[in-house]
């Protein structure tokens, strides 16, 4: 199993993805950072849970 990415890296990637220009697909952002689109979608979903935007289990 690969080592998890550092928290700071994940936060930066999610921030860039959320602030992307209209028309820029998530797969482009993911490719720019060397991760899969599914990985980025998972990070964004978990970020929503942590922020209380979506229901789910937080890490704390």
Protein backbone atom coordinates (compact mmCIF):
# COMPACT_ATOMS: atom_id res chain seq x y z
CA UNK A 1 0.00 0.00 0.00
CA UNK A 2 1.44 3.41 -0.93
CA UNK A 3 2.27 5.94 1.75
CA UNK A 4 -0.44 8.54 2.28
CA UNK A 5 0.17 12.00 0.95
CA UNK A 6 1.02 14.66 3.54
CA UNK A 7 -1.97 16.59 4.92
CA UNK A 8 -0.57 19.89 3.62
CA UNK A 9 -0.34 18.50 0.09
CA UNK A 10 -3.93 17.23 0.18
CA UNK A 11 -5.17 20.57 1.50
CA UNK A 12 -3.31 22.47 -1.24
CA UNK A 13 -4.68 20.25 -3.99
CA UNK A 14 -8.27 20.58 -2.69
CA UNK A 15 -7.86 24.35 -2.43
CA UNK A 16 -6.64 24.57 -6.04
CA UNK A 17 -9.45 22.29 -7.24
CA UNK A 18 -12.12 24.36 -5.49
CA UNK A 19 -10.67 27.61 -6.87
CA UNK A 20 -10.25 26.40 -10.44
CA UNK A 21 -11.62 28.41 -13.35
CA UNK A 22 -14.91 27.41 -14.93
CA UNK A 23 -14.38 24.76 -17.57
CA UNK A 24 -11.23 23.27 -16.01
CA UNK A 25 -12.00 19.61 -15.29
CA UNK A 26 -10.96 17.92 -12.06
CA UNK A 27 -8.96 15.37 -14.06
CA UNK A 28 -6.70 18.21 -15.28
CA UNK A 29 -6.04 19.42 -11.73
CA UNK A 30 -5.43 15.85 -10.57
CA UNK A 31 -3.03 15.17 -13.43
CA UNK A 32 -1.13 18.39 -12.71
CA UNK A 33 -0.49 17.15 -9.17
CA UNK A 34 0.23 13.55 -10.17
CA UNK A 35 -2.83 11.97 -8.56
CA UNK A 36 -5.92 10.28 -9.93
CA UNK A 37 -9.22 12.08 -10.43
CA UNK A 38 -10.88 9.60 -8.07
CA UNK A 39 -8.32 10.38 -5.38
CA UNK A 40 -9.04 14.10 -5.73
CA UNK A 41 -12.79 13.50 -5.60
CA UNK A 42 -12.34 11.49 -2.39
CA UNK A 43 -10.23 14.26 -0.83
CA UNK A 44 -12.84 16.87 -1.76
CA UNK A 45 -15.65 14.72 -0.34
CA UNK A 46 -13.74 14.23 2.93
CA UNK A 47 -13.02 17.97 3.08
CA UNK A 48 -16.78 18.64 2.82
CA UNK A 49 -17.42 16.21 5.69
CA UNK A 50 -14.73 17.80 7.84
CA UNK A 51 -16.19 21.27 7.15
CA UNK A 52 -19.69 20.08 8.05
CA UNK A 53 -21.01 20.72 4.55
CA UNK A 54 -21.93 17.07 4.00
CA UNK A 55 -22.87 14.38 6.51
CA UNK A 56 -20.29 11.76 7.31
CA UNK A 57 -17.66 10.63 9.78
CA UNK A 58 -14.92 13.13 10.52
CA UNK A 59 -11.36 12.09 11.23
CA UNK A 60 -11.55 13.42 14.77
